[in-house]
Amino acid sequence: MNPIIPILMITSILSCVLITVSFWLPQMNPDSEKLSPYECGFDPLGSARLPFSMRFFLVAILFLLFDLEIALLLPLPWGDQLPETTQTFFWATSILVLLTLGLIYEWMQGGLEWAE
């Protein structure tokens, strides 16, 4: 017997059971807070032309940059097994130095200060 057929049956049954349980189990008690739209902390009933803080977006971009750094450095342990390990070390160090210099520059310019 093909082992894929029982696996597909088990996953299908388990998926159906979980969908059914998630549909019937939660208690639905909507109130005005839950029914109101939430837009990044802005008041949904106020004016749409209010100025917003660019610092919020700066912190978000910095988070994305350092998250990308982790994705770029993830293959580093496997790079130690290459015949030319110095090149791997050079590129990993250059990424870290570049991001550290950018962080120091933003810090010195006061871009990371939340309150002025």
N, C-alpha and C. Protein backbone atom coordinates (compact mmCIF):
# COMPACT_ATOMS: atom_id res chain seq x y z
N MET A 1 0.84 -1.18 0.00
CA MET A 1 0.00 0.00 0.00
C MET A 1 0.89 1.24 0.00
N ASN A 2 0.47 2.21 -0.76
CA ASN A 2 1.23 3.44 -0.88
C ASN A 2 1.13 4.23 0.44
N PRO A 3 2.27 4.65 1.03
CA PRO A 3 2.21 5.35 2.33
C PRO A 3 1.66 6.77 2.24
N ILE A 4 1.54 7.31 1.04
CA ILE A 4 1.04 8.68 0.89
C ILE A 4 -0.46 8.74 1.13
N ILE A 5 -1.18 7.70 0.76
CA ILE A 5 -2.64 7.69 0.90
C ILE A 5 -3.06 7.78 2.38
N PRO A 6 -2.50 6.98 3.30
CA PRO A 6 -2.89 7.15 4.71
C PRO A 6 -2.50 8.52 5.29
N ILE A 7 -1.38 9.05 4.86
CA ILE A 7 -0.97 10.37 5.34
C ILE A 7 -1.95 11.43 4.87
N LEU A 8 -2.36 11.37 3.60
CA LEU A 8 -3.34 12.33 3.09
C LEU A 8 -4.68 12.18 3.80
N MET A 9 -5.09 10.95 4.11
CA MET A 9 -6.35 10.75 4.82
C MET A 9 -6.27 11.31 6.24
N ILE A 10 -5.17 11.06 6.92
CA ILE A 10 -5.02 11.56 8.30
C ILE A 10 -5.00 13.08 8.32
N THR A 11 -4.28 13.69 7.40
CA THR A 11 -4.23 15.16 7.38
C THR A 11 -5.57 15.76 6.99
N SER A 12 -6.29 15.12 6.09
CA SER A 12 -7.61 15.62 5.72
C SER A 12 -8.59 15.53 6.88
N ILE A 13 -8.61 14.39 7.55
CA ILE A 13 -9.51 14.23 8.69
C ILE A 13 -9.14 15.19 9.81
N LEU A 14 -7.85 15.32 10.10
CA LEU A 14 -7.41 16.23 11.14
C LEU A 14 -7.75 17.68 10.80
N SER A 15 -7.59 18.06 9.55
CA SER A 15 -7.94 19.41 9.13
C SER A 15 -9.43 19.67 9.28
N CYS A 16 -10.25 18.72 8.87
CA CYS A 16 -11.71 18.89 9.01
C CYS A 16 -12.12 18.99 10.48
N VAL A 17 -11.53 18.17 11.34
CA VAL A 17 -11.85 18.22 12.76
C VAL A 17 -11.44 19.58 13.35
N LEU A 18 -10.26 20.05 13.02
CA LEU A 18 -9.80 21.34 13.55
C LEU A 18 -10.64 22.50 13.04
N ILE A 19 -11.05 22.46 11.78
CA ILE A 19 -11.91 23.52 11.24
C ILE A 19 -13.25 23.52 11.96
N THR A 20 -13.80 22.33 12.17
CA THR A 20 -15.08 22.24 12.86
C THR A 20 -14.98 22.73 14.31
N VAL A 21 -13.94 22.33 15.00
CA VAL A 21 -13.76 22.75 16.39
C VAL A 21 -13.55 24.25 16.48
N SER A 22 -12.76 24.82 15.57
CA SER A 22 -12.50 26.26 15.61
C SER A 22 -13.75 27.06 15.24
N PHE A 23 -14.68 26.47 14.52
CA PHE A 23 -15.91 27.16 14.17
C PHE A 23 -16.90 27.16 15.33
N TRP A 24 -17.00 26.06 16.07
CA TRP A 24 -18.01 25.93 17.12
C TRP A 24 -17.50 26.30 18.50
N LEU A 25 -16.21 26.27 18.73
CA LEU A 25 -15.68 26.46 20.08
C LEU A 25 -15.62 27.91 20.56
N PRO A 26 -15.20 28.88 19.77
CA PRO A 26 -15.01 30.23 20.33
C PRO A 26 -16.33 30.89 20.69
N GLN A 27 -16.26 31.74 21.72
CA GLN A 27 -17.43 32.49 22.13
C GLN A 27 -17.43 33.82 21.39
N MET A 28 -18.48 34.08 20.68
CA MET A 28 -18.59 35.31 19.90
C MET A 28 -19.40 36.33 20.67
N ASN A 29 -18.74 37.27 21.30
CA ASN A 29 -19.38 38.36 22.02
C ASN A 29 -18.84 39.69 21.49
N PRO A 30 -19.25 40.11 20.31
CA PRO A 30 -18.68 41.35 19.77
C PRO A 30 -19.20 42.56 20.53
N ASP A 31 -18.30 43.49 20.81
CA ASP A 31 -18.67 44.76 21.40
C ASP A 31 -18.15 45.88 20.50
N SER A 32 -18.32 47.11 20.93
CA SER A 32 -17.94 48.24 20.06
C SER A 32 -16.43 48.29 19.82
N GLU A 33 -15.62 47.85 20.80
CA GLU A 33 -14.17 47.85 20.62
C GLU A 33 -13.75 46.84 19.56
N LYS A 34 -14.33 45.67 19.60
CA LYS A 34 -13.96 44.63 18.64
C LYS A 34 -14.48 44.92 17.24
N LEU A 35 -15.58 45.63 17.14
CA LEU A 35 -16.16 45.90 15.83
C LEU A 35 -15.58 47.14 15.17
N SER A 36 -14.83 47.96 15.91
CA SER A 36 -14.27 49.17 15.31
C SER A 36 -12.98 48.83 14.56
N PRO A 37 -12.72 49.50 13.44
CA PRO A 37 -11.48 49.24 12.72
C PRO A 37 -10.29 49.79 13.50
N TYR A 38 -9.20 49.09 13.42
CA TYR A 38 -7.97 49.50 14.12
C TYR A 38 -6.90 49.76 13.07
N GLU A 39 -6.42 50.99 13.02
CA GLU A 39 -5.43 51.36 12.02
C GLU A 39 -4.17 51.88 12.70
N CYS A 40 -3.32 51.00 13.15
CA CYS A 40 -2.00 51.34 13.68
C CYS A 40 -2.07 52.37 14.81
N GLY A 41 -3.06 52.31 15.64
CA GLY A 41 -3.14 53.22 16.77
C GLY A 41 -3.78 54.55 16.46
N PHE A 42 -4.14 54.81 15.22
CA PHE A 42 -4.79 56.07 14.87
C PHE A 42 -6.28 55.98 15.19
N ASP A 43 -6.88 57.10 15.53
CA ASP A 43 -8.31 57.15 15.81
C ASP A 43 -9.06 56.99 14.49
N PRO A 44 -9.87 55.94 14.33
CA PRO A 44 -10.55 55.73 13.05
C PRO A 44 -11.67 56.73 12.79
N LEU A 45 -12.14 57.42 13.82
CA LEU A 45 -13.24 58.35 13.65
C LEU A 45 -12.76 59.78 13.46
N GLY A 46 -11.47 60.04 13.61
CA GLY A 46 -10.92 61.38 13.46
C GLY A 46 -10.64 61.72 12.01
N SER A 47 -9.97 62.83 11.83
CA SER A 47 -9.62 63.28 10.48
C SER A 47 -8.53 62.40 9.88
N ALA A 48 -8.62 62.16 8.60
CA ALA A 48 -7.62 61.35 7.92
C ALA A 48 -6.40 62.16 7.51
N ARG A 49 -6.44 63.46 7.71
CA ARG A 49 -5.36 64.34 7.29
C ARG A 49 -4.42 64.73 8.42
N LEU A 50 -4.47 64.02 9.55
CA LEU A 50 -3.58 64.33 10.66
C LEU A 50 -2.16 63.90 10.32
N PRO A 51 -1.16 64.68 10.75
CA PRO A 51 0.23 64.26 10.51
C PRO A 51 0.59 63.06 11.37
N PHE A 52 1.45 62.23 10.87
CA PHE A 52 1.88 61.06 11.61
C PHE A 52 3.37 61.14 11.86
N SER A 53 3.82 60.41 12.83
CA SER A 53 5.22 60.44 13.23
C SER A 53 6.06 59.57 12.29
N MET A 54 7.10 60.16 11.74
CA MET A 54 8.00 59.40 10.88
C MET A 54 8.88 58.46 11.69
N ARG A 55 8.98 58.69 12.98
CA ARG A 55 9.80 57.84 13.84
C ARG A 55 9.24 56.41 13.88
N PHE A 56 7.92 56.30 13.83
CA PHE A 56 7.31 54.98 13.81
C PHE A 56 7.80 54.19 12.59
N PHE A 57 7.84 54.83 11.45
CA PHE A 57 8.27 54.15 10.23
C PHE A 57 9.78 53.91 10.23
N LEU A 58 10.55 54.79 10.88
CA LEU A 58 11.99 54.58 10.99
C LEU A 58 12.28 53.33 11.82
N VAL A 59 11.57 53.17 12.91
CA VAL A 59 11.77 51.98 13.74
C VAL A 59 11.36 50.73 12.97
N ALA A 60 10.29 50.80 12.21
CA ALA A 60 9.85 49.65 11.41
C ALA A 60 10.89 49.29 10.35
N ILE A 61 11.47 50.29 9.70
CA ILE A 61 12.49 50.02 8.69
C ILE A 61 13.75 49.44 9.32
N LEU A 62 14.14 49.96 10.49
CA LEU A 62 15.30 49.39 11.18
C LEU A 62 15.05 47.94 11.57
N PHE A 63 13.84 47.65 12.01
CA PHE A 63 13.51 46.26 12.34
C PHE A 63 13.65 45.37 11.11
N LEU A 64 13.15 45.84 9.97
CA LEU A 64 13.25 45.04 8.75
C LEU A 64 14.70 44.84 8.32
N LEU A 65 15.52 45.87 8.48
CA LEU A 65 16.93 45.74 8.12
C LEU A 65 17.63 44.70 8.97
N PHE A 66 17.41 44.74 10.27
CA PHE A 66 18.09 43.77 11.12
C PHE A 66 17.48 42.39 11.00
N ASP A 67 16.22 42.30 10.62
CA ASP A 67 15.63 41.01 10.33
C ASP A 67 16.24 40.43 9.05
N LEU A 68 16.48 41.28 8.08
CA LEU A 68 17.15 40.84 6.85
C LEU A 68 18.58 40.41 7.14
N GLU A 69 19.22 41.07 8.09
CA GLU A 69 20.59 40.68 8.46
C GLU A 69 20.60 39.25 8.97
N ILE A 70 19.62 38.88 9.76
CA ILE A 70 19.56 37.51 10.26
C ILE A 70 19.38 36.53 9.11
N ALA A 71 18.56 36.90 8.14
CA ALA A 71 18.35 36.01 6.98
C ALA A 71 19.62 35.88 6.15
N LEU A 72 20.41 36.97 6.08
CA LEU A 72 21.65 36.89 5.30
C LEU A 72 22.73 36.10 6.02
N LEU A 73 22.72 36.13 7.34
CA LEU A 73 23.76 35.43 8.10
C LEU A 73 23.36 34.00 8.45
N LEU A 74 22.16 33.58 8.12
CA LEU A 74 21.71 32.23 8.45
C LEU A 74 22.58 31.14 7.82
N PRO A 75 23.02 31.26 6.57
CA PRO A 75 23.86 30.19 6.00
C PRO A 75 25.30 30.21 6.47
N LEU A 76 25.66 31.09 7.39
CA LEU A 76 27.05 31.22 7.82
C LEU A 76 27.63 29.93 8.40
N PRO A 77 26.93 29.18 9.26
CA PRO A 77 27.54 27.94 9.78
C PRO A 77 27.86 26.92 8.68
N TRP A 78 27.05 26.88 7.62
CA TRP A 78 27.33 25.95 6.54
C TRP A 78 28.48 26.45 5.67
N GLY A 79 28.72 27.76 5.68
CA GLY A 79 29.82 28.31 4.90
C GLY A 79 31.19 27.96 5.46
N ASP A 80 31.24 27.54 6.73
CA ASP A 80 32.52 27.14 7.32
C ASP A 80 33.06 25.85 6.71
N GLN A 81 32.22 25.10 6.04
CA GLN A 81 32.66 23.85 5.46
C GLN A 81 33.13 24.00 4.01
N LEU A 82 33.07 25.22 3.50
CA LEU A 82 33.56 25.47 2.15
C LEU A 82 35.09 25.43 2.12
N PRO A 83 35.67 25.20 0.95
CA PRO A 83 37.14 25.18 0.88
C PRO A 83 37.74 26.56 1.18
N GLU A 84 37.04 27.62 0.85
CA GLU A 84 37.56 28.98 1.05
C GLU A 84 36.73 29.65 2.16
N THR A 85 37.08 29.41 3.42
CA THR A 85 36.29 29.94 4.53
C THR A 85 36.56 31.42 4.78
N THR A 86 37.68 31.93 4.32
CA THR A 86 37.97 33.35 4.57
C THR A 86 37.02 34.26 3.80
N GLN A 87 36.59 33.85 2.64
CA GLN A 87 35.65 34.65 1.86
C GLN A 87 34.28 34.72 2.57
N THR A 88 33.84 33.62 3.13
CA THR A 88 32.59 33.61 3.89
C THR A 88 32.69 34.53 5.09
N PHE A 89 33.80 34.45 5.80
CA PHE A 89 34.01 35.30 6.97
C PHE A 89 34.08 36.77 6.57
N PHE A 90 34.69 37.06 5.44
CA PHE A 90 34.80 38.44 4.96
C PHE A 90 33.43 39.03 4.66
N TRP A 91 32.58 38.30 3.94
CA TRP A 91 31.26 38.83 3.59
C TRP A 91 30.35 38.97 4.80
N ALA A 92 30.43 38.02 5.72
CA ALA A 92 29.61 38.12 6.94
C ALA A 92 30.06 39.31 7.78
N THR A 93 31.36 39.51 7.89
CA THR A 93 31.88 40.65 8.65
C THR A 93 31.53 41.96 7.98
N SER A 94 31.58 42.01 6.65
CA SER A 94 31.25 43.26 5.96
C SER A 94 29.77 43.62 6.14
N ILE A 95 28.88 42.63 6.16
CA ILE A 95 27.45 42.90 6.41
C ILE A 95 27.26 43.46 7.81
N LEU A 96 27.90 42.83 8.80
CA LEU A 96 27.77 43.29 10.18
C LEU A 96 28.36 44.68 10.38
N VAL A 97 29.50 44.95 9.77
CA VAL A 97 30.14 46.27 9.91
C VAL A 97 29.28 47.34 9.26
N LEU A 98 28.75 47.07 8.08
CA LEU A 98 27.91 48.05 7.38
C LEU A 98 26.65 48.38 8.19
N LEU A 99 25.98 47.37 8.71
CA LEU A 99 24.79 47.62 9.50
C LEU A 99 25.11 48.31 10.83
N THR A 100 26.24 47.97 11.43
CA THR A 100 26.63 48.63 12.68
C THR A 100 26.97 50.09 12.45
N LEU A 101 27.65 50.41 11.36
CA LEU A 101 27.95 51.80 11.04
C LEU A 101 26.68 52.60 10.76
N GLY A 102 25.74 52.00 10.08
CA GLY A 102 24.46 52.67 9.84
C GLY A 102 23.69 52.91 11.12
N LEU A 103 23.73 51.95 12.03
CA LEU A 103 23.05 52.11 13.32
C LEU A 103 23.72 53.21 14.15
N ILE A 104 25.03 53.25 14.16
CA ILE A 104 25.75 54.31 14.89
C ILE A 104 25.44 55.67 14.29
N TYR A 105 25.39 55.76 12.98
CA TYR A 105 25.07 57.03 12.33
C TYR A 105 23.68 57.52 12.71
N GLU A 106 22.68 56.63 12.67
CA GLU A 106 21.33 57.01 13.07
C GLU A 106 21.27 57.41 14.54
N TRP A 107 22.02 56.71 15.36
CA TRP A 107 22.03 57.01 16.79
C TRP A 107 22.63 58.40 17.04
N MET A 108 23.73 58.70 16.34
CA MET A 108 24.39 60.01 16.52
C MET A 108 23.54 61.16 15.97
N GLN A 109 22.76 60.90 14.93
CA GLN A 109 21.90 61.94 14.37
C GLN A 109 20.65 62.15 15.21
N GLY A 110 20.40 61.27 16.18
CA GLY A 110 19.21 61.39 17.02
C GLY A 110 17.97 60.81 16.41
N GLY A 111 18.14 59.98 15.41
CA GLY A 111 16.97 59.41 14.73
C GLY A 111 16.28 58.32 15.53
N LEU A 112 16.94 57.80 16.55
CA LEU A 112 16.33 56.74 17.34
C LEU A 112 15.69 57.24 18.62
N GLU A 113 15.75 58.54 18.84
CA GLU A 113 15.10 59.12 20.02
C GLU A 113 13.60 59.20 19.76
N TRP A 114 12.82 58.54 20.59
CA TRP A 114 11.38 58.48 20.36
C TRP A 114 10.72 59.82 20.69
N ALA A 115 11.12 60.43 21.80
CA ALA A 115 10.53 61.70 22.22
C ALA A 115 11.57 62.81 22.05
N GLU A 116 11.12 63.95 21.61
CA GLU A 116 12.07 65.05 21.41
C GLU A 116 12.02 66.00 22.57
